[in-house]
PDB file of N, CA and C in Angstrom:
ATOM      1  N   MET A   1       0.917  -1.201   0.081  1.00  0.00           N
ATOM      2  CA  MET A   1      -0.039  -0.188   0.080  1.00  0.00           C
ATOM      3  C   MET A   1       0.890   1.310   0.043  1.00  0.00           C
ATOM      4  N   PHE A   2       0.127   2.445  -0.162  1.00  0.00           N
ATOM      5  CA  PHE A   2       0.958   3.461  -0.230  1.00  0.00           C
ATOM      6  C   PHE A   2       1.309   4.166   1.018  1.00  0.00           C
ATOM      7  N   ARG A   3       2.582   4.367   1.204  1.00  0.00           N
ATOM      8  CA  ARG A   3       3.092   4.856   2.658  1.00  0.00           C
ATOM      9  C   ARG A   3       3.049   6.167   3.012  1.00  0.00           C
ATOM     10  N   ARG A   4       2.678   7.137   1.936  1.00  0.00           N
ATOM     11  CA  ARG A   4       2.488   8.414   2.280  1.00  0.00           C
ATOM     12  C   ARG A   4       1.694   8.973   1.261  1.00  0.00           C
ATOM     13  N   ASP A   5       1.032  10.131   1.594  1.00  0.00           N
ATOM     14  CA  ASP A   5       0.064  10.664   0.508  1.00  0.00           C
ATOM     15  C   ASP A   5       0.567  10.934  -0.653  1.00  0.00           C
ATOM     16  N   SER A   6       1.832  11.224  -1.029  1.00  0.00           N
ATOM     17  CA  SER A   6       2.503  11.922  -2.267  1.00  0.00           C
ATOM     18  C   SER A   6       2.992  10.795  -3.052  1.00  0.00           C
ATOM     19  N   GLU A   7       3.010   9.367  -2.445  1.00  0.00           N
ATOM     20  CA  GLU A   7       3.665   8.113  -3.055  1.00  0.00           C
ATOM     21  C   GLU A   7       2.916   7.928  -4.337  1.00  0.00           C
ATOM     22  N   LEU A   8       1.580   8.037  -4.324  1.00  0.00           N
ATOM     23  CA  LEU A   8       0.934   7.821  -5.756  1.00  0.00           C
ATOM     24  C   LEU A   8       1.319   8.872  -6.631  1.00  0.00           C
ATOM     25  N   ASP A   9       1.371  10.036  -6.330  1.00  0.00           N
ATOM     26  CA  ASP A   9       1.806  11.163  -7.462  1.00  0.00           C
ATOM     27  C   ASP A   9       3.160  10.998  -7.684  1.00  0.00           C
ATOM     28  N   ASP A  10       4.049  10.459  -6.884  1.00  0.00           N
ATOM     29  CA  ASP A  10       5.484  10.128  -7.403  1.00  0.00           C
ATOM     30  C   ASP A  10       5.362   8.799  -8.334  1.00  0.00           C
ATOM     31  N   ILE A  11       4.580   7.858  -8.186  1.00  0.00           N
ATOM     32  CA  ILE A  11       4.411   6.875  -9.142  1.00  0.00           C
ATOM     33  C   ILE A  11       3.782   7.170 -10.276  1.00  0.00           C
ATOM     34  N   LEU A  12       2.732   8.209 -10.312  1.00  0.00           N
ATOM     35  CA  LEU A  12       2.301   8.598 -11.628  1.00  0.00           C
ATOM     36  C   LEU A  12       3.325   9.236 -12.450  1.00  0.00           C
ATOM     37  N   ALA A  13       4.044  10.301 -11.611  1.00  0.00           N
ATOM     38  CA  ALA A  13       5.075  10.817 -12.369  1.00  0.00           C
ATOM     39  C   ALA A  13       6.226  10.134 -13.105  1.00  0.00           C
ATOM     40  N   LYS A  14       6.548   9.013 -12.475  1.00  0.00           N
ATOM     41  CA  LYS A  14       7.431   8.068 -12.993  1.00  0.00           C
ATOM     42  C   LYS A  14       6.937   7.475 -14.265  1.00  0.00           C
ATOM     43  N   ILE A  15       5.564   7.063 -14.132  1.00  0.00           N
ATOM     44  CA  ILE A  15       4.907   6.218 -15.255  1.00  0.00           C
ATOM     45  C   ILE A  15       4.961   7.465 -16.465  1.00  0.00           C
ATOM     46  N   ASN A  16       4.505   8.543 -16.154  1.00  0.00           N
ATOM     47  CA  ASN A  16       4.261   9.372 -17.285  1.00  0.00           C
ATOM     48  C   ASN A  16       5.777   9.744 -17.928  1.00  0.00           C
ATOM     49  N   ALA A  17       6.800   9.913 -16.986  1.00  0.00           N
ATOM     50  CA  ALA A  17       8.037  10.258 -17.541  1.00  0.00           C
ATOM     51  C   ALA A  17       8.489   8.944 -18.393  1.00  0.00           C
ATOM     52  N   PHE A  18       8.173   7.794 -17.912  1.00  0.00           N
ATOM     53  CA  PHE A  18       8.677   6.493 -18.623  1.00  0.00           C
ATOM     54  C   PHE A  18       8.158   6.665 -20.241  1.00  0.00           C
ATOM     55  N   ARG A  19       6.797   7.039 -20.369  1.00  0.00           N
ATOM     56  CA  ARG A  19       6.243   6.902 -21.621  1.00  0.00           C
ATOM     57  C   ARG A  19       6.497   8.266 -22.315  1.00  0.00           C
ATOM     58  N   GLU A  20       6.727   9.260 -21.743  1.00  0.00           N
ATOM     59  CA  GLU A  20       7.012  10.336 -22.402  1.00  0.00           C
ATOM     60  C   GLU A  20       8.540  10.348 -22.956  1.00  0.00           C
ATOM     61  N   GLU A  21       9.530   9.658 -22.377  1.00  0.00           N
ATOM     62  CA  GLU A  21      10.909   9.608 -22.760  1.00  0.00           C
ATOM     63  C   GLU A  21      10.993   8.583 -24.050  1.00  0.00           C
ATOM     64  N   ARG A  22       9.735   7.762 -24.156  1.00  0.00           N
ATOM     65  CA  ARG A  22       9.668   6.787 -25.393  1.00  0.00           C
ATOM     66  C   ARG A  22       8.863   7.270 -26.390  1.00  0.00           C
ATOM     67  N   ASP A  23       8.251   8.576 -26.147  1.00  0.00           N
ATOM     68  CA  ASP A  23       7.140   9.052 -27.180  1.00  0.00           C
ATOM     69  C   ASP A  23       6.046   8.099 -27.226  1.00  0.00           C
ATOM     70  N   TRP A  24       5.540   7.558 -26.132  1.00  0.00           N
ATOM     71  CA  TRP A  24       4.392   6.576 -26.373  1.00  0.00           C
ATOM     72  C   TRP A  24       3.158   7.047 -26.028  1.00  0.00           C
ATOM     73  N   ARG A  25       3.160   8.292 -25.579  1.00  0.00           N
ATOM     74  CA  ARG A  25       1.838   9.083 -25.275  1.00  0.00           C
ATOM     75  C   ARG A  25       0.736   8.972 -26.593  1.00  0.00           C
ATOM     76  N   GLN A  26       1.555   9.166 -27.585  1.00  0.00           N
ATOM     77  CA  GLN A  26       0.760   9.185 -28.954  1.00  0.00           C
ATOM     78  C   GLN A  26      -0.153   7.947 -28.927  1.00  0.00           C
ATOM     79  N   PHE A  27       0.184   6.680 -28.564  1.00  0.00           N
ATOM     80  CA  PHE A  27      -0.476   5.319 -28.709  1.00  0.00           C
ATOM     81  C   PHE A  27      -1.406   5.363 -27.617  1.00  0.00           C
ATOM     82  N   HIS A  28      -1.526   6.151 -26.627  1.00  0.00           N
ATOM     83  CA  HIS A  28      -2.231   5.891 -25.348  1.00  0.00           C
ATOM     84  C   HIS A  28      -3.414   6.715 -25.287  1.00  0.00           C
ATOM     85  N   ASN A  29      -4.400   6.224 -26.057  1.00  0.00           N
ATOM     86  CA  ASN A  29      -5.654   7.032 -26.096  1.00  0.00           C
ATOM     87  C   ASN A  29      -6.627   6.141 -25.102  1.00  0.00           C
ATOM     88  N   PRO A  30      -7.597   6.781 -24.777  1.00  0.00           N
ATOM     89  CA  PRO A  30      -8.487   5.995 -23.578  1.00  0.00           C
ATOM     90  C   PRO A  30      -8.986   4.629 -24.294  1.00  0.00           C
ATOM     91  N   LYS A  31      -9.336   4.426 -25.544  1.00  0.00           N
ATOM     92  CA  LYS A  31      -9.763   3.169 -26.011  1.00  0.00           C
ATOM     93  C   LYS A  31      -8.749   2.170 -25.805  1.00  0.00           C
ATOM     94  N   ASP A  32      -7.520   2.432 -26.256  1.00  0.00           N
ATOM     95  CA  ASP A  32      -6.271   1.581 -26.209  1.00  0.00           C
ATOM     96  C   ASP A  32      -5.704   1.330 -24.804  1.00  0.00           C
ATOM     97  N   LEU A  33      -5.890   2.215 -24.072  1.00  0.00           N
ATOM     98  CA  LEU A  33      -5.387   2.020 -22.697  1.00  0.00           C
ATOM     99  C   LEU A  33      -6.644   1.148 -22.024  1.00  0.00           C
ATOM    100  N   SER A  34      -7.895   1.147 -22.387  1.00  0.00           N
ATOM    101  CA  SER A  34      -9.011   0.337 -21.758  1.00  0.00           C
ATOM    102  C   SER A  34      -8.541  -0.979 -22.418  1.00  0.00           C
ATOM    103  N   ILE A  35      -8.385  -1.157 -23.651  1.00  0.00           N
ATOM    104  CA  ILE A  35      -8.181  -2.477 -24.116  1.00  0.00           C
ATOM    105  C   ILE A  35      -6.976  -3.165 -23.490  1.00  0.00           C
ATOM    106  N   SER A  36      -5.764  -2.481 -23.411  1.00  0.00           N
ATOM    107  CA  SER A  36      -4.567  -2.973 -22.692  1.00  0.00           C
ATOM    108  C   SER A  36      -5.070  -3.402 -21.195  1.00  0.00           C
ATOM    109  N   ILE A  37      -5.698  -2.622 -20.488  1.00  0.00           N
ATOM    110  CA  ILE A  37      -6.090  -3.124 -19.056  1.00  0.00           C
ATOM    111  C   ILE A  37      -6.885  -4.528 -19.123  1.00  0.00           C
ATOM    112  N   SER A  38      -7.747  -4.694 -20.041  1.00  0.00           N
ATOM    113  CA  SER A  38      -8.624  -6.035 -20.247  1.00  0.00           C
ATOM    114  C   SER A  38      -7.467  -7.020 -20.599  1.00  0.00           C
ATOM    115  N   LEU A  39      -6.492  -6.624 -21.624  1.00  0.00           N
ATOM    116  CA  LEU A  39      -5.673  -7.809 -21.928  1.00  0.00           C
ATOM    117  C   LEU A  39      -4.697  -8.016 -21.041  1.00  0.00           C
ATOM    118  N   GLU A  40      -4.289  -7.030 -20.127  1.00  0.00           N
ATOM    119  CA  GLU A  40      -3.164  -7.408 -19.227  1.00  0.00           C
ATOM    120  C   GLU A  40      -4.099  -8.271 -18.039  1.00  0.00           C
ATOM    121  N   SER A  41      -5.310  -7.997 -17.773  1.00  0.00           N
ATOM    122  CA  SER A  41      -6.104  -8.555 -16.831  1.00  0.00           C
ATOM    123  C   SER A  41      -6.251 -10.049 -17.028  1.00  0.00           C
ATOM    124  N   ALA A  42      -6.312 -10.354 -18.403  1.00  0.00           N
ATOM    125  CA  ALA A  42      -6.456 -11.575 -18.889  1.00  0.00           C
ATOM    126  C   ALA A  42      -5.231 -12.505 -18.699  1.00  0.00           C
ATOM    127  N   GLU A  43      -4.013 -11.758 -18.904  1.00  0.00           N
ATOM    128  CA  GLU A  43      -2.619 -12.481 -18.725  1.00  0.00           C
ATOM    129  C   GLU A  43      -2.665 -12.684 -17.161  1.00  0.00           C
ATOM    130  N   LEU A  44      -3.060 -11.814 -16.359  1.00  0.00           N
ATOM    131  CA  LEU A  44      -3.017 -12.115 -14.904  1.00  0.00           C
ATOM    132  C   LEU A  44      -3.880 -13.346 -14.760  1.00  0.00           C
ATOM    133  N   LEU A  45      -5.193 -13.414 -15.281  1.00  0.00           N
ATOM    134  CA  LEU A  45      -5.948 -14.573 -15.053  1.00  0.00           C
ATOM    135  C   LEU A  45      -5.362 -15.864 -15.393  1.00  0.00           C
ATOM    136  N   GLU A  46      -4.521 -15.913 -16.450  1.00  0.00           N
ATOM    137  CA  GLU A  46      -3.836 -17.094 -17.115  1.00  0.00           C
ATOM    138  C   GLU A  46      -3.219 -17.704 -15.948  1.00  0.00           C
ATOM    139  N   ASN A  47      -2.456 -17.111 -14.955  1.00  0.00           N
ATOM    140  CA  ASN A  47      -1.773 -17.543 -13.890  1.00  0.00           C
ATOM    141  C   ASN A  47      -2.423 -18.480 -13.086  1.00  0.00           C
ATOM    142  N   PHE A  48      -3.858 -18.313 -13.025  1.00  0.00           N
ATOM    143  CA  PHE A  48      -4.741 -19.103 -12.181  1.00  0.00           C
ATOM    144  C   PHE A  48      -5.468 -20.197 -12.905  1.00  0.00           C
ATOM    145  N   GLN A  49      -5.449 -20.062 -14.332  1.00  0.00           N
ATOM    146  CA  GLN A  49      -6.211 -20.994 -14.801  1.00  0.00           C
ATOM    147  C   GLN A  49      -5.740 -22.459 -14.591  1.00  0.00           C
ATOM    148  N   TRP A  50      -6.753 -23.477 -14.421  1.00  0.00           N
ATOM    149  CA  TRP A  50      -6.464 -24.745 -14.230  1.00  0.00           C
ATOM    150  C   TRP A  50      -5.699 -25.166 -12.868  1.00  0.00           C
ATOM    151  N   LYS A  51      -5.711 -24.059 -11.956  1.00  0.00           N
ATOM    152  CA  LYS A  51      -4.894 -24.334 -10.780  1.00  0.00           C
ATOM    153  C   LYS A  51      -5.835 -23.752  -9.733  1.00  0.00           C
ATOM    154  N   THR A  52      -5.526 -24.475  -8.472  1.00  0.00           N
ATOM    155  CA  THR A  52      -6.193 -23.807  -7.223  1.00  0.00           C
ATOM    156  C   THR A  52      -5.452 -22.606  -6.758  1.00  0.00           C
ATOM    157  N   SER A  53      -6.121 -21.884  -5.940  1.00  0.00           N
ATOM    158  CA  SER A  53      -5.545 -20.622  -5.437  1.00  0.00           C
ATOM    159  C   SER A  53      -4.229 -20.873  -4.836  1.00  0.00           C
ATOM    160  N   GLU A  54      -4.263 -22.109  -4.011  1.00  0.00           N
ATOM    161  CA  GLU A  54      -3.132 -22.554  -3.125  1.00  0.00           C
ATOM    162  C   GLU A  54      -1.830 -22.872  -4.070  1.00  0.00           C
ATOM    163  N   GLU A  55      -2.164 -23.535  -5.236  1.00  0.00           N
ATOM    164  CA  GLU A  55      -1.244 -23.784  -6.206  1.00  0.00           C
ATOM    165  C   GLU A  55      -0.377 -22.480  -6.451  1.00  0.00           C
ATOM    166  N   VAL A  56      -1.273 -21.538  -6.947  1.00  0.00           N
ATOM    167  CA  VAL A  56      -0.648 -20.207  -7.378  1.00  0.00           C
ATOM    168  C   VAL A  56       0.242 -19.699  -6.225  1.00  0.00           C
ATOM    169  N   LEU A  57      -0.390 -19.442  -5.103  1.00  0.00           N
ATOM    170  CA  LEU A  57       0.264 -18.861  -3.834  1.00  0.00           C
ATOM    171  C   LEU A  57       1.538 -19.568  -3.608  1.00  0.00           C
ATOM    172  N   ASN A  58       1.452 -20.869  -3.596  1.00  0.00           N
ATOM    173  CA  ASN A  58       2.734 -21.585  -3.281  1.00  0.00           C
ATOM    174  C   ASN A  58       3.722 -21.668  -4.370  1.00  0.00           C
ATOM    175  N   GLY A  59       3.475 -21.170  -5.656  1.00  0.00           N
ATOM    176  CA  GLY A  59       4.367 -21.242  -6.803  1.00  0.00           C
ATOM    177  C   GLY A  59       4.914 -20.027  -6.917  1.00  0.00           C
ATOM    178  N   ASP A  60       5.602 -19.823  -8.140  1.00  0.00           N
ATOM    179  CA  ASP A  60       6.349 -18.750  -8.565  1.00  0.00           C
ATOM    180  C   ASP A  60       5.591 -17.346  -8.552  1.00  0.00           C
ATOM    181  N   MET A  61       5.466 -16.324  -7.742  1.00  0.00           N
ATOM    182  CA  MET A  61       4.546 -15.326  -7.990  1.00  0.00           C
ATOM    183  C   MET A  61       5.072 -14.067  -8.746  1.00  0.00           C
ATOM    184  N   GLU A  62       6.197 -14.320  -9.328  1.00  0.00           N
ATOM    185  CA  GLU A  62       6.854 -13.141 -10.244  1.00  0.00           C
ATOM    186  C   GLU A  62       6.024 -12.741 -11.250  1.00  0.00           C
ATOM    187  N   ASN A  63       5.385 -13.812 -11.957  1.00  0.00           N
ATOM    188  CA  ASN A  63       4.450 -13.169 -13.269  1.00  0.00           C
ATOM    189  C   ASN A  63       3.245 -12.597 -12.550  1.00  0.00           C
ATOM    190  N   VAL A  64       2.622 -13.138 -11.626  1.00  0.00           N
ATOM    191  CA  VAL A  64       1.495 -12.520 -10.812  1.00  0.00           C
ATOM    192  C   VAL A  64       1.660 -11.033 -10.614  1.00  0.00           C
ATOM    193  N   LYS A  65       2.857 -10.889  -9.994  1.00  0.00           N
ATOM    194  CA  LYS A  65       3.343  -9.375  -9.657  1.00  0.00           C
ATOM    195  C   LYS A  65       3.331  -8.569 -10.731  1.00  0.00           C
ATOM    196  N   GLU A  66       3.960  -9.162 -11.909  1.00  0.00           N
ATOM    197  CA  GLU A  66       4.197  -8.199 -13.028  1.00  0.00           C
ATOM    198  C   GLU A  66       2.937  -7.970 -13.656  1.00  0.00           C
ATOM    199  N   GLU A  67       1.969  -8.819 -13.756  1.00  0.00           N
ATOM    200  CA  GLU A  67       0.886  -8.622 -14.339  1.00  0.00           C
ATOM    201  C   GLU A  67      -0.295  -7.798 -13.500  1.00  0.00           C
ATOM    202  N   ILE A  68      -0.090  -7.832 -12.291  1.00  0.00           N
ATOM    203  CA  ILE A  68      -0.905  -6.892 -11.564  1.00  0.00           C
ATOM    204  C   ILE A  68      -0.153  -5.443 -11.880  1.00  0.00           C
ATOM    205  N   ALA A  69       1.067  -5.431 -11.721  1.00  0.00           N
ATOM    206  CA  ALA A  69       1.772  -4.089 -12.083  1.00  0.00           C
ATOM    207  C   ALA A  69       1.295  -3.535 -13.417  1.00  0.00           C
ATOM    208  N   ASP A  70       1.215  -4.308 -14.423  1.00  0.00           N
ATOM    209  CA  ASP A  70       0.769  -3.940 -15.766  1.00  0.00           C
ATOM    210  C   ASP A  70      -0.610  -3.331 -15.807  1.00  0.00           C
ATOM    211  N   VAL A  71      -1.625  -4.216 -14.967  1.00  0.00           N
ATOM    212  CA  VAL A  71      -3.120  -3.565 -14.885  1.00  0.00           C
ATOM    213  C   VAL A  71      -3.033  -2.276 -14.077  1.00  0.00           C
ATOM    214  N   LEU A  72      -2.263  -2.167 -13.160  1.00  0.00           N
ATOM    215  CA  LEU A  72      -2.447  -0.862 -12.379  1.00  0.00           C
ATOM    216  C   LEU A  72      -1.584   0.212 -13.250  1.00  0.00           C
ATOM    217  N   ILE A  73      -0.585  -0.031 -13.877  1.00  0.00           N
ATOM    218  CA  ILE A  73      -0.021   1.011 -14.644  1.00  0.00           C
ATOM    219  C   ILE A  73      -0.797   1.686 -15.739  1.00  0.00           C
ATOM    220  N   TYR A  74      -1.683   0.698 -16.592  1.00  0.00           N
ATOM    221  CA  TYR A  74      -2.313   1.066 -17.514  1.00  0.00           C
ATOM    222  C   TYR A  74      -3.467   1.848 -16.955  1.00  0.00           C
ATOM    223  N   SER A  75      -4.202   1.369 -15.955  1.00  0.00           N
ATOM    224  CA  SER A  75      -5.223   1.970 -15.184  1.00  0.00           C
ATOM    225  C   SER A  75      -4.903   3.406 -14.502  1.00  0.00           C
ATOM    226  N   LEU A  76      -3.738   3.542 -14.156  1.00  0.00           N
ATOM    227  CA  LEU A  76      -3.114   4.841 -13.721  1.00  0.00           C
ATOM    228  C   LEU A  76      -3.092   5.895 -14.647  1.00  0.00           C
ATOM    229  N   MET A  77      -2.470   5.356 -15.890  1.00  0.00           N
ATOM    230  CA  MET A  77      -2.298   6.123 -17.180  1.00  0.00           C
ATOM    231  C   MET A  77      -3.658   6.568 -17.626  1.00  0.00           C
ATOM    232  N   LEU A  78      -4.567   5.637 -17.658  1.00  0.00           N
ATOM    233  CA  LEU A  78      -6.006   6.137 -18.118  1.00  0.00           C
ATOM    234  C   LEU A  78      -6.518   7.064 -17.295  1.00  0.00           C
ATOM    235  N   ALA A  79      -6.413   6.940 -16.046  1.00  0.00           N
ATOM    236  CA  ALA A  79      -7.059   7.840 -14.950  1.00  0.00           C
ATOM    237  C   ALA A  79      -6.325   9.280 -15.206  1.00  0.00           C
ATOM    238  N   SER A  80      -5.136   9.234 -15.342  1.00  0.00           N
ATOM    239  CA  SER A  80      -4.202  10.355 -15.347  1.00  0.00           C
ATOM    240  C   SER A  80      -4.561  11.107 -16.701  1.00  0.00           C
ATOM    241  N   ASP A  81      -4.675  10.406 -17.844  1.00  0.00           N
ATOM    242  CA  ASP A  81      -4.958  11.109 -19.126  1.00  0.00           C
ATOM    243  C   ASP A  81      -6.457  11.639 -18.989  1.00  0.00           C
ATOM    244  N   LEU A  82      -7.394  11.037 -18.382  1.00  0.00           N
ATOM    245  CA  LEU A  82      -8.700  11.672 -18.248  1.00  0.00           C
ATOM    246  C   LEU A  82      -8.847  12.691 -17.214  1.00  0.00           C
ATOM    247  N   ASN A  83      -7.845  13.097 -16.576  1.00  0.00           N
ATOM    248  CA  ASN A  83      -7.730  14.096 -15.550  1.00  0.00           C
ATOM    249  C   ASN A  83      -8.517  13.650 -14.300  1.00  0.00           C
ATOM    250  N   MET A  84      -8.479  12.481 -13.996  1.00  0.00           N
ATOM    251  CA  MET A  84      -9.339  11.942 -12.755  1.00  0.00           C
ATOM    252  C   MET A  84      -8.055  11.831 -11.648  1.00  0.00           C
ATOM    253  N   ASN A  85      -8.564  12.233 -10.446  1.00  0.00           N
ATOM    254  CA  ASN A  85      -7.695  12.014  -9.277  1.00  0.00           C
ATOM    255  C   ASN A  85      -8.148  10.581  -8.745  1.00  0.00           C
ATOM    256  N   VAL A  86      -7.172   9.792  -8.830  1.00  0.00           N
ATOM    257  CA  VAL A  86      -7.359   8.293  -8.436  1.00  0.00           C
ATOM    258  C   VAL A  86      -7.745   8.133  -6.967  1.00  0.00           C
ATOM    259  N   GLY A  87      -7.081   9.028  -6.214  1.00  0.00           N
ATOM    260  CA  GLY A  87      -7.638   8.749  -4.687  1.00  0.00           C
ATOM    261  C   GLY A  87      -9.063   9.163  -4.430  1.00  0.00           C
ATOM    262  N   GLU A  88      -9.403  10.211  -5.173  1.00  0.00           N
ATOM    263  CA  GLU A  88     -10.808  10.776  -5.146  1.00  0.00           C
ATOM    264  C   GLU A  88     -11.863   9.796  -5.798  1.00  0.00           C
ATOM    265  N   ILE A  89     -11.546   9.249  -6.881  1.00  0.00           N
ATOM    266  CA  ILE A  89     -12.401   8.460  -7.442  1.00  0.00           C
ATOM    267  C   ILE A  89     -12.586   6.870  -6.856  1.00  0.00           C
ATOM    268  N   ILE A  90     -11.581   6.490  -6.124  1.00  0.00           N
ATOM    269  CA  ILE A  90     -11.479   5.345  -5.206  1.00  0.00           C
ATOM    270  C   ILE A  90     -12.354   5.667  -3.959  1.00  0.00           C
ATOM    271  N   GLU A  91     -12.074   6.762  -3.468  1.00  0.00           N
ATOM    272  CA  GLU A  91     -12.920   7.091  -2.129  1.00  0.00           C
ATOM    273  C   GLU A  91     -14.396   7.179  -2.538  1.00  0.00           C
ATOM    274  N   GLU A  92     -14.799   7.916  -3.822  1.00  0.00           N
ATOM    275  CA  GLU A  92     -16.361   7.823  -4.210  1.00  0.00           C
ATOM    276  C   GLU A  92     -16.736   6.687  -4.462  1.00  0.00           C
ATOM    277  N   LYS A  93     -15.948   5.578  -4.873  1.00  0.00           N
ATOM    278  CA  LYS A  93     -16.549   4.223  -5.093  1.00  0.00           C
ATOM    279  C   LYS A  93     -16.686   3.583  -3.950  1.00  0.00           C
ATOM    280  N   LEU A  94     -15.820   3.710  -3.014  1.00  0.00           N
ATOM    281  CA  LEU A  94     -15.787   3.012  -1.716  1.00  0.00           C
ATOM    282  C   LEU A  94     -17.148   3.436  -0.965  1.00  0.00           C
ATOM    283  N   HIS A  95     -17.615   4.867  -1.135  1.00  0.00           N
ATOM    284  CA  HIS A  95     -18.547   5.293  -0.529  1.00  0.00           C
ATOM    285  C   HIS A  95     -19.948   4.794  -1.040  1.00  0.00           C
ATOM    286  N   LYS A  96     -19.912   4.681  -2.398  1.00  0.00           N
ATOM    287  CA  LYS A  96     -21.149   4.164  -3.125  1.00  0.00           C
ATOM    288  C   LYS A  96     -21.281   2.633  -2.711  1.00  0.00           C
ATOM    289  N   ASN A  97     -20.060   1.962  -2.745  1.00  0.00           N
ATOM    290  CA  ASN A  97     -20.171   0.601  -2.284  1.00  0.00           C
ATOM    291  C   ASN A  97     -20.689   0.309  -0.837  1.00  0.00           C
ATOM    292  N   SER A  98     -20.364   1.291   0.065  1.00  0.00           N
ATOM    293  CA  SER A  98     -20.673   1.123   1.305  1.00  0.00           C
ATOM    294  C   SER A  98     -22.278   1.301   1.447  1.00  0.00           C
ATOM    295  N   LEU A  99     -22.903   1.988   0.579  1.00  0.00           N
ATOM    296  CA  LEU A  99     -24.435   2.378   0.585  1.00  0.00           C
ATOM    297  C   LEU A  99     -25.055   1.147   0.100  1.00  0.00           C
ATOM    298  N   LYS A 100     -24.349   0.630  -0.878  1.00  0.00           N
ATOM    299  CA  LYS A 100     -25.168  -0.673  -1.646  1.00  0.00           C
ATOM    300  C   LYS A 100     -24.877  -1.975  -0.850  1.00  0.00           C
ATOM    301  N   TYR A 101     -23.735  -1.747  -0.107  1.00  0.00           N
ATOM    302  CA  TYR A 101     -23.477  -3.185   0.793  1.00  0.00           C
ATOM    303  C   TYR A 101     -23.245  -2.662   2.271  1.00  0.00           C
ATOM    304  N   PRO A 102     -24.270  -2.396   3.012  1.00  0.00           N
ATOM    305  CA  PRO A 102     -24.149  -1.855   4.296  1.00  0.00           C
ATOM    306  C   PRO A 102     -23.722  -3.008   5.425  1.00  0.00           C
ATOM    307  N   VAL A 103     -22.910  -2.981   6.235  1.00  0.00           N
ATOM    308  CA  VAL A 103     -22.178  -4.003   6.945  1.00  0.00           C
ATOM    309  C   VAL A 103     -23.310  -4.751   7.433  1.00  0.00           C
ATOM    310  N   GLU A 104     -24.436  -4.253   8.067  1.00  0.00           N
ATOM    311  CA  GLU A 104     -25.410  -5.030   8.760  1.00  0.00           C
ATOM    312  C   GLU A 104     -26.181  -6.251   7.841  1.00  0.00           C
ATOM    313  N   SER A 105     -26.282  -5.967   6.557  1.00  0.00           N
ATOM    314  CA  SER A 105     -26.802  -6.745   5.823  1.00  0.00           C
ATOM    315  C   SER A 105     -25.943  -7.834   4.791  1.00  0.00           C
ATOM    316  N   SER A 106     -24.582  -7.134   4.800  1.00  0.00           N
ATOM    317  CA  SER A 106     -23.680  -7.608   3.759  1.00  0.00           C
ATOM    318  C   SER A 106     -22.494  -8.532   4.251  1.00  0.00           C
ATOM    319  N   LYS A 107     -22.251  -8.451   5.513  1.00  0.00           N
ATOM    320  CA  LYS A 107     -21.210  -9.082   6.301  1.00  0.00           C
ATOM    321  C   LYS A 107     -21.240 -10.556   6.104  1.00  0.00           C
ATOM    322  N   GLY A 108     -20.094 -11.028   5.661  1.00  0.00           N
ATOM    323  CA  GLY A 108     -20.117 -12.640   5.558  1.00  0.00           C
ATOM    324  C   GLY A 108     -20.907 -13.291   4.377  1.00  0.00           C
ATOM    325  N   SER A 109     -21.474 -12.222   3.540  1.00  0.00           N
ATOM    326  CA  SER A 109     -22.274 -12.639   2.370  1.00  0.00           C
ATOM    327  C   SER A 109     -21.708 -12.340   1.119  1.00  0.00           C
ATOM    328  N   SER A 110     -21.695 -13.108   0.193  1.00  0.00           N
ATOM    329  CA  SER A 110     -21.384 -12.999  -1.143  1.00  0.00           C
ATOM    330  C   SER A 110     -22.335 -12.444  -2.204  1.00  0.00           C
ATOM    331  N   LYS A 111     -23.489 -12.310  -1.532  1.00  0.00           N
ATOM    332  CA  LYS A 111     -24.639 -11.961  -2.434  1.00  0.00           C
ATOM    333  C   LYS A 111     -24.428 -10.295  -3.040  1.00  0.00           C
ATOM    334  N   LYS A 112     -24.952 -10.277  -4.427  1.00  0.00           N
ATOM    335  CA  LYS A 112     -24.927  -9.053  -4.938  1.00  0.00           C
ATOM    336  C   LYS A 112     -25.960  -8.172  -4.038  1.00  0.00           C
ATOM    337  N   TYR A 113     -25.645  -6.841  -4.184  1.00  0.00           N
ATOM    338  CA  TYR A 113     -26.502  -5.842  -3.420  1.00  0.00           C
ATOM    339  C   TYR A 113     -27.959  -5.800  -3.797  1.00  0.00           C
ATOM    340  N   THR A 114     -28.298  -6.405  -5.024  1.00  0.00           N
ATOM    341  CA  THR A 114     -29.555  -6.509  -5.363  1.00  0.00           C
ATOM    342  C   THR A 114     -30.346  -7.563  -4.789  1.00  0.00           C
ATOM    343  N   GLU A 115     -29.596  -8.578  -4.098  1.00  0.00           N
ATOM    344  CA  GLU A 115     -30.166  -9.710  -3.459  1.00  0.00           C
ATOM    345  C   GLU A 115     -30.097  -9.638  -1.816  1.00  0.00           C
ATOM    346  N   LEU A 116     -29.593  -8.627  -1.361  1.00  0.00           N
ATOM    347  CA  LEU A 116     -29.558  -8.415   0.138  1.00  0.00           C
ATOM    348  C   LEU A 116     -30.767  -8.117   0.737  1.00  0.00           C
TER     349      LEU A 116
END
């Protein structure tokens, strides 16, 4: 997790510097970044295909870490390009979820909010 408030800003600056140095921003439109998030998510899922969670957790986690990083990097680039404050949009989503899934009716339940 982030150890200080500015750590996310530091990471975003590094990501943006990385792609600016390579002149890759020209390829990073919202559609293609969204596609890349989906593709990297699928690559993450491949680590779990035909395996139990325990098999994955007891195996080499390096590829899992790399694919999680790819999903996060593309997600952060998309949010940045859309001028969205990641901290704010996460806070807003957590608030919405807290209304849809109140503790008293959702604790210990995997039901969707429409079934609670």
